Amino acid sequence: APAGPARVVLAVDLDRTETARMPQARNFDLAG
């Protein structure tokens, strides 16, 4: 069942692996 449109509140990058146990907050620019 389609669940969109929906407001994007989080992005996940599966190409990079987190190495920190408690990482600092990061942001990604999405449509400004």
PDB file of all heavy atoms in Angstrom:
ATOM      1  N   ALA A   1       0.852  -1.184   0.000  1.00  0.00           N
ATOM      2  CA  ALA A   1       0.000   0.000   0.000  1.00  0.00           C
ATOM      3  C   ALA A   1       0.895   1.243   0.000  1.00  0.00           C
ATOM      4  O   ALA A   1       1.798   1.348   0.834  1.00  0.00           O
ATOM      5  CB  ALA A   1      -0.910   0.000   1.221  1.00  0.00           C
ATOM      6  N   PRO A   2       0.682   2.173  -0.915  1.00  0.00           N
ATOM      7  CA  PRO A   2       1.503   3.390  -0.949  1.00  0.00           C
ATOM      8  C   PRO A   2       1.319   4.248   0.303  1.00  0.00           C
ATOM      9  O   PRO A   2       0.194   4.416   0.783  1.00  0.00           O
ATOM     10  CB  PRO A   2       0.996   4.131  -2.186  1.00  0.00           C
ATOM     11  CG  PRO A   2       0.279   3.108  -3.003  1.00  0.00           C
ATOM     12  CD  PRO A   2      -0.268   2.115  -2.026  1.00  0.00           C
ATOM     13  N   ALA A   3       2.431   4.772   0.823  1.00  0.00           N
ATOM     14  CA  ALA A   3       2.394   5.604   2.029  1.00  0.00           C
ATOM     15  C   ALA A   3       2.830   7.039   1.745  1.00  0.00           C
ATOM     16  O   ALA A   3       3.058   7.794   2.680  1.00  0.00           O
ATOM     17  CB  ALA A   3       3.285   4.996   3.105  1.00  0.00           C
ATOM     18  N   GLY A   4       2.968   7.410   0.495  1.00  0.00           N
ATOM     19  CA  GLY A   4       3.415   8.770   0.168  1.00  0.00           C
ATOM     20  C   GLY A   4       2.278   9.593  -0.360  1.00  0.00           C
ATOM     21  O   GLY A   4       1.200   9.051  -0.627  1.00  0.00           O
ATOM     22  N   PRO A   5       2.501  10.866  -0.472  1.00  0.00           N
ATOM     23  CA  PRO A   5       3.730  11.590  -0.139  1.00  0.00           C
ATOM     24  C   PRO A   5       3.920  11.713   1.373  1.00  0.00           C
ATOM     25  O   PRO A   5       2.956  11.677   2.137  1.00  0.00           O
ATOM     26  CB  PRO A   5       3.526  12.958  -0.785  1.00  0.00           C
ATOM     27  CG  PRO A   5       2.050  13.110  -0.925  1.00  0.00           C
ATOM     28  CD  PRO A   5       1.482  11.734  -1.060  1.00  0.00           C
ATOM     29  N   ALA A   6       5.192  11.848   1.776  1.00  0.00           N
ATOM     30  CA  ALA A   6       5.528  11.967   3.191  1.00  0.00           C
ATOM     31  C   ALA A   6       6.714  12.910   3.354  1.00  0.00           C
ATOM     32  O   ALA A   6       7.594  12.973   2.497  1.00  0.00           O
ATOM     33  CB  ALA A   6       5.860  10.596   3.773  1.00  0.00           C
ATOM     34  N   ARG A   7       6.730  13.630   4.474  1.00  0.00           N
ATOM     35  CA  ARG A   7       7.797  14.587   4.782  1.00  0.00           C
ATOM     36  C   ARG A   7       9.055  13.837   5.210  1.00  0.00           C
ATOM     37  O   ARG A   7       9.018  13.011   6.120  1.00  0.00           O
ATOM     38  CB  ARG A   7       7.336  15.511   5.898  1.00  0.00           C
ATOM     39  CG  ARG A   7       8.290  16.615   6.256  1.00  0.00           C
ATOM     40  CD  ARG A   7       7.647  17.593   7.223  1.00  0.00           C
ATOM     41  NE  ARG A   7       7.153  16.949   8.418  1.00  0.00           N
ATOM     42  CZ  ARG A   7       7.825  16.843   9.567  1.00  0.00           C
ATOM     43  NH1 ARG A   7       9.020  17.369   9.675  1.00  0.00           N
ATOM     44  NH2 ARG A   7       7.297  16.238  10.603  1.00  0.00           N
ATOM     45  N   VAL A   8      10.183  14.098   4.543  1.00  0.00           N
ATOM     46  CA  VAL A   8      11.443  13.426   4.862  1.00  0.00           C
ATOM     47  C   VAL A   8      12.061  14.080   6.097  1.00  0.00           C
ATOM     48  O   VAL A   8      12.339  15.275   6.100  1.00  0.00           O
ATOM     49  CB  VAL A   8      12.435  13.473   3.677  1.00  0.00           C
ATOM     50  CG1 VAL A   8      13.733  12.767   4.051  1.00  0.00           C
ATOM     51  CG2 VAL A   8      11.816  12.849   2.441  1.00  0.00           C
ATOM     52  N   VAL A   9      12.260  13.274   7.140  1.00  0.00           N
ATOM     53  CA  VAL A   9      12.842  13.773   8.393  1.00  0.00           C
ATOM     54  C   VAL A   9      14.187  13.133   8.707  1.00  0.00           C
ATOM     55  O   VAL A   9      14.830  13.513   9.678  1.00  0.00           O
ATOM     56  CB  VAL A   9      11.878  13.573   9.582  1.00  0.00           C
ATOM     57  CG1 VAL A   9      10.575  14.336   9.358  1.00  0.00           C
ATOM     58  CG2 VAL A   9      11.607  12.101   9.838  1.00  0.00           C
ATOM     59  N   LEU A  10      14.596  12.143   7.888  1.00  0.00           N
ATOM     60  CA  LEU A  10      15.833  11.417   8.144  1.00  0.00           C
ATOM     61  C   LEU A  10      16.341  10.818   6.841  1.00  0.00           C
ATOM     62  O   LEU A  10      15.551  10.389   6.001  1.00  0.00           O
ATOM     63  CB  LEU A  10      15.566  10.283   9.151  1.00  0.00           C
ATOM     64  CG  LEU A  10      16.731   9.369   9.516  1.00  0.00           C
ATOM     65  CD1 LEU A  10      17.843  10.144  10.215  1.00  0.00           C
ATOM     66  CD2 LEU A  10      16.240   8.232  10.403  1.00  0.00           C
ATOM     67  N   ALA A  11      17.661  10.784   6.700  1.00  0.00           N
ATOM     68  CA  ALA A  11      18.297  10.113   5.564  1.00  0.00           C
ATOM     69  C   ALA A  11      19.298   9.096   6.109  1.00  0.00           C
ATOM     70  O   ALA A  11      19.918   9.335   7.150  1.00  0.00           O
ATOM     71  CB  ALA A  11      19.004  11.113   4.657  1.00  0.00           C
ATOM     72  N   VAL A  12      19.425   7.969   5.412  1.00  0.00           N
ATOM     73  CA  VAL A  12      20.394   6.928   5.767  1.00  0.00           C
ATOM     74  C   VAL A  12      21.288   6.697   4.554  1.00  0.00           C
ATOM     75  O   VAL A  12      20.787   6.508   3.447  1.00  0.00           O
ATOM     76  CB  VAL A  12      19.687   5.614   6.169  1.00  0.00           C
ATOM     77  CG1 VAL A  12      20.706   4.501   6.380  1.00  0.00           C
ATOM     78  CG2 VAL A  12      18.831   5.803   7.411  1.00  0.00           C
ATOM     79  N   ASP A  13      22.601   6.704   4.768  1.00  0.00           N
ATOM     80  CA  ASP A  13      23.578   6.442   3.711  1.00  0.00           C
ATOM     81  C   ASP A  13      24.182   5.061   3.949  1.00  0.00           C
ATOM     82  O   ASP A  13      24.973   4.877   4.880  1.00  0.00           O
ATOM     83  CB  ASP A  13      24.663   7.517   3.716  1.00  0.00           C
ATOM     84  CG  ASP A  13      25.691   7.340   2.614  1.00  0.00           C
ATOM     85  OD1 ASP A  13      25.697   6.287   1.943  1.00  0.00           O
ATOM     86  OD2 ASP A  13      26.509   8.261   2.437  1.00  0.00           O
ATOM     87  N   LEU A  14      23.797   4.085   3.132  1.00  0.00           N
ATOM     88  CA  LEU A  14      24.281   2.725   3.295  1.00  0.00           C
ATOM     89  C   LEU A  14      25.650   2.502   2.666  1.00  0.00           C
ATOM     90  O   LEU A  14      26.226   1.424   2.815  1.00  0.00           O
ATOM     91  CB  LEU A  14      23.268   1.732   2.708  1.00  0.00           C
ATOM     92  CG  LEU A  14      21.924   1.680   3.430  1.00  0.00           C
ATOM     93  CD1 LEU A  14      20.990   0.692   2.745  1.00  0.00           C
ATOM     94  CD2 LEU A  14      22.088   1.347   4.906  1.00  0.00           C
ATOM     95  N   ASP A  15      26.191   3.500   1.986  1.00  0.00           N
ATOM     96  CA  ASP A  15      27.514   3.381   1.375  1.00  0.00           C
ATOM     97  C   ASP A  15      28.638   3.649   2.367  1.00  0.00           C
ATOM     98  O   ASP A  15      29.794   3.320   2.101  1.00  0.00           O
ATOM     99  CB  ASP A  15      27.668   4.321   0.184  1.00  0.00           C
ATOM    100  CG  ASP A  15      26.879   3.861  -1.017  1.00  0.00           C
ATOM    101  OD1 ASP A  15      26.525   2.662  -1.088  1.00  0.00           O
ATOM    102  OD2 ASP A  15      26.597   4.695  -1.891  1.00  0.00           O
ATOM    103  N   ARG A  16      28.321   4.270   3.477  1.00  0.00           N
ATOM    104  CA  ARG A  16      29.327   4.578   4.493  1.00  0.00           C
ATOM    105  C   ARG A  16      28.918   3.910   5.801  1.00  0.00           C
ATOM    106  O   ARG A  16      27.739   3.865   6.131  1.00  0.00           O
ATOM    107  CB  ARG A  16      29.465   6.088   4.697  1.00  0.00           C
ATOM    108  CG  ARG A  16      29.925   6.802   3.432  1.00  0.00           C
ATOM    109  CD  ARG A  16      30.223   8.252   3.680  1.00  0.00           C
ATOM    110  NE  ARG A  16      28.985   9.005   3.872  1.00  0.00           N
ATOM    111  CZ  ARG A  16      28.933  10.232   4.403  1.00  0.00           C
ATOM    112  NH1 ARG A  16      30.025  10.822   4.824  1.00  0.00           N
ATOM    113  NH2 ARG A  16      27.780  10.851   4.504  1.00  0.00           N
ATOM    114  N   THR A  17      29.900   3.415   6.538  1.00  0.00           N
ATOM    115  CA  THR A  17      29.632   2.718   7.795  1.00  0.00           C
ATOM    116  C   THR A  17      30.011   3.602   8.971  1.00  0.00           C
ATOM    117  O   THR A  17      31.088   4.209   8.979  1.00  0.00           O
ATOM    118  CB  THR A  17      30.424   1.392   7.856  1.00  0.00           C
ATOM    119  OG1 THR A  17      30.028   0.591   6.744  1.00  0.00           O
ATOM    120  CG2 THR A  17      30.148   0.640   9.141  1.00  0.00           C
ATOM    121  N   GLU A  18      29.130   3.649   9.959  1.00  0.00           N
ATOM    122  CA  GLU A  18      29.402   4.416  11.175  1.00  0.00           C
ATOM    123  C   GLU A  18      30.443   3.674  12.002  1.00  0.00           C
ATOM    124  O   GLU A  18      30.324   2.469  12.224  1.00  0.00           O
ATOM    125  CB  GLU A  18      28.113   4.582  11.988  1.00  0.00           C
ATOM    126  CG  GLU A  18      28.265   5.457  13.205  1.00  0.00           C
ATOM    127  CD  GLU A  18      28.766   6.843  12.852  1.00  0.00           C
ATOM    128  OE1 GLU A  18      28.007   7.601  12.228  1.00  0.00           O
ATOM    129  OE2 GLU A  18      29.929   7.159  13.209  1.00  0.00           O
ATOM    130  N   THR A  19      31.471   4.403  12.454  1.00  0.00           N
ATOM    131  CA  THR A  19      32.511   3.799  13.277  1.00  0.00           C
ATOM    132  C   THR A  19      32.452   4.272  14.722  1.00  0.00           C
ATOM    133  O   THR A  19      33.021   3.622  15.597  1.00  0.00           O
ATOM    134  CB  THR A  19      33.905   4.108  12.696  1.00  0.00           C
ATOM    135  OG1 THR A  19      34.083   5.531  12.625  1.00  0.00           O
ATOM    136  CG2 THR A  19      34.066   3.491  11.310  1.00  0.00           C
ATOM    137  N   ALA A  20      31.776   5.360  14.977  1.00  0.00           N
ATOM    138  CA  ALA A  20      31.695   5.895  16.334  1.00  0.00           C
ATOM    139  C   ALA A  20      30.532   5.259  17.099  1.00  0.00           C
ATOM    140  O   ALA A  20      29.462   5.025  16.542  1.00  0.00           O
ATOM    141  CB  ALA A  20      31.516   7.410  16.290  1.00  0.00           C
ATOM    142  N   ARG A  21      30.764   5.002  18.362  1.00  0.00           N
ATOM    143  CA  ARG A  21      29.687   4.470  19.203  1.00  0.00           C
ATOM    144  C   ARG A  21      28.608   5.517  19.424  1.00  0.00           C
ATOM    145  O   ARG A  21      27.412   5.211  19.402  1.00  0.00           O
ATOM    146  CB  ARG A  21      30.271   4.013  20.541  1.00  0.00           C
ATOM    147  CG  ARG A  21      29.222   3.444  21.452  1.00  0.00           C
ATOM    148  CD  ARG A  21      29.812   2.920  22.726  1.00  0.00           C
ATOM    149  NE  ARG A  21      28.749   2.442  23.598  1.00  0.00           N
ATOM    150  CZ  ARG A  21      28.930   2.055  24.819  1.00  0.00           C
ATOM    151  NH1 ARG A  21      30.151   2.063  25.343  1.00  0.00           N
ATOM    152  NH2 ARG A  21      27.924   1.650  25.545  1.00  0.00           N
ATOM    153  N   MET A  22      29.003   6.751  19.653  1.00  0.00           N
ATOM    154  CA  MET A  22      28.081   7.867  19.874  1.00  0.00           C
ATOM    155  C   MET A  22      28.436   8.972  18.871  1.00  0.00           C
ATOM    156  O   MET A  22      29.106   9.942  19.215  1.00  0.00           O
ATOM    157  CB  MET A  22      28.200   8.389  21.309  1.00  0.00           C
ATOM    158  CG  MET A  22      27.862   7.364  22.369  1.00  0.00           C
ATOM    159  SD  MET A  22      26.102   7.003  22.426  1.00  0.00           S
ATOM    160  CE  MET A  22      25.495   8.474  23.198  1.00  0.00           C
ATOM    161  N   PRO A  23      28.009   8.845  17.624  1.00  0.00           N
ATOM    162  CA  PRO A  23      28.426   9.801  16.590  1.00  0.00           C
ATOM    163  C   PRO A  23      27.808  11.187  16.784  1.00  0.00           C
ATOM    164  O   PRO A  23      26.721  11.324  17.347  1.00  0.00           O
ATOM    165  CB  PRO A  23      27.915   9.154  15.302  1.00  0.00           C
ATOM    166  CG  PRO A  23      26.766   8.323  15.730  1.00  0.00           C
ATOM    167  CD  PRO A  23      27.103   7.819  17.106  1.00  0.00           C
ATOM    168  N   GLN A  24      28.539  12.172  16.301  1.00  0.00           N
ATOM    169  CA  GLN A  24      28.016  13.526  16.263  1.00  0.00           C
ATOM    170  C   GLN A  24      26.887  13.583  15.233  1.00  0.00           C
ATOM    171  O   GLN A  24      26.877  12.812  14.272  1.00  0.00           O
ATOM    172  CB  GLN A  24      29.118  14.515  15.875  1.00  0.00           C
ATOM    173  CG  GLN A  24      30.240  14.620  16.883  1.00  0.00           C
ATOM    174  CD  GLN A  24      29.769  15.230  18.195  1.00  0.00           C
ATOM    175  OE1 GLN A  24      29.046  16.216  18.214  1.00  0.00           O
ATOM    176  NE2 GLN A  24      30.176  14.626  19.295  1.00  0.00           N
ATOM    177  N   ALA A  25      25.983  14.498  15.424  1.00  0.00           N
ATOM    178  CA  ALA A  25      24.891  14.672  14.470  1.00  0.00           C
ATOM    179  C   ALA A  25      25.453  15.121  13.126  1.00  0.00           C
ATOM    180  O   ALA A  25      26.379  15.930  13.063  1.00  0.00           O
ATOM    181  CB  ALA A  25      23.892  15.692  14.998  1.00  0.00           C
ATOM    182  N   ARG A  26      24.921  14.557  12.061  1.00  0.00           N
ATOM    183  CA  ARG A  26      25.291  14.930  10.691  1.00  0.00           C
ATOM    184  C   ARG A  26      24.033  15.373   9.974  1.00  0.00           C
ATOM    185  O   ARG A  26      22.938  14.909  10.296  1.00  0.00           O
ATOM    186  CB  ARG A  26      25.843  13.721   9.929  1.00  0.00           C
ATOM    187  CG  ARG A  26      27.140  13.181  10.377  1.00  0.00           C
ATOM    188  CD  ARG A  26      27.520  12.002   9.461  1.00  0.00           C
ATOM    189  NE  ARG A  26      28.766  11.416   9.862  1.00  0.00           N
ATOM    190  CZ  ARG A  26      28.882  10.447  10.753  1.00  0.00           C
ATOM    191  NH1 ARG A  26      27.807   9.939  11.320  1.00  0.00           N
ATOM    192  NH2 ARG A  26      30.069   9.974  11.065  1.00  0.00           N
ATOM    193  N   ASN A  27      24.210  16.182   8.943  1.00  0.00           N
ATOM    194  CA  ASN A  27      23.094  16.582   8.095  1.00  0.00           C
ATOM    195  C   ASN A  27      23.412  16.294   6.640  1.00  0.00           C
ATOM    196  O   ASN A  27      24.574  16.219   6.242  1.00  0.00           O
ATOM    197  CB  ASN A  27      22.772  18.073   8.255  1.00  0.00           C
ATOM    198  CG  ASN A  27      22.060  18.365   9.545  1.00  0.00           C
ATOM    199  OD1 ASN A  27      21.218  17.593   9.994  1.00  0.00           O
ATOM    200  ND2 ASN A  27      22.397  19.477  10.171  1.00  0.00           N
ATOM    201  N   PHE A  28      22.360  16.157   5.868  1.00  0.00           N
ATOM    202  CA  PHE A  28      22.425  15.944   4.427  1.00  0.00           C
ATOM    203  C   PHE A  28      21.522  16.981   3.789  1.00  0.00           C
ATOM    204  O   PHE A  28      20.383  17.176   4.240  1.00  0.00           O
ATOM    205  CB  PHE A  28      21.930  14.512   4.123  1.00  0.00           C
ATOM    206  CG  PHE A  28      21.757  14.221   2.664  1.00  0.00           C
ATOM    207  CD1 PHE A  28      22.860  14.002   1.856  1.00  0.00           C
ATOM    208  CD2 PHE A  28      20.500  14.128   2.101  1.00  0.00           C
ATOM    209  CE1 PHE A  28      22.704  13.707   0.518  1.00  0.00           C
ATOM    210  CE2 PHE A  28      20.330  13.833   0.759  1.00  0.00           C
ATOM    211  CZ  PHE A  28      21.441  13.630  -0.029  1.00  0.00           C
ATOM    212  N   ASP A  29      22.011  17.677   2.759  1.00  0.00           N
ATOM    213  CA  ASP A  29      21.189  18.673   2.083  1.00  0.00           C
ATOM    214  C   ASP A  29      20.254  17.974   1.094  1.00  0.00           C
ATOM    215  O   ASP A  29      20.706  17.335   0.154  1.00  0.00           O
ATOM    216  CB  ASP A  29      22.055  19.690   1.346  1.00  0.00           C
ATOM    217  CG  ASP A  29      21.198  20.747   0.676  1.00  0.00           C
ATOM    218  OD1 ASP A  29      20.623  21.589   1.392  1.00  0.00           O
ATOM    219  OD2 ASP A  29      21.075  20.702  -0.565  1.00  0.00           O
ATOM    220  N   LEU A  30      18.964  18.090   1.333  1.00  0.00           N
ATOM    221  CA  LEU A  30      17.966  17.474   0.473  1.00  0.00           C
ATOM    222  C   LEU A  30      17.014  18.560  -0.003  1.00  0.00           C
ATOM    223  O   LEU A  30      16.260  19.115   0.784  1.00  0.00           O
ATOM    224  CB  LEU A  30      17.204  16.381   1.230  1.00  0.00           C
ATOM    225  CG  LEU A  30      16.195  15.574   0.445  1.00  0.00           C
ATOM    226  CD1 LEU A  30      16.868  14.831  -0.711  1.00  0.00           C
ATOM    227  CD2 LEU A  30      15.472  14.592   1.353  1.00  0.00           C
ATOM    228  N   ALA A  31      17.115  18.880  -1.267  1.00  0.00           N
ATOM    229  CA  ALA A  31      16.265  19.910  -1.878  1.00  0.00           C
ATOM    230  C   ALA A  31      16.347  21.230  -1.118  1.00  0.00           C
ATOM    231  O   ALA A  31      15.352  21.915  -0.937  1.00  0.00           O
ATOM    232  CB  ALA A  31      14.819  19.420  -1.960  1.00  0.00           C
ATOM    233  N   GLY A  32      17.563  21.563  -0.668  1.00  0.00           N
ATOM    234  CA  GLY A  32      17.769  22.830   0.018  1.00  0.00           C
ATOM    235  C   GLY A  32      17.414  22.814   1.499  1.00  0.00           C
ATOM    236  O   GLY A  32      17.416  23.860   2.150  1.00  0.00           O
TER     237      GLY A  32
END
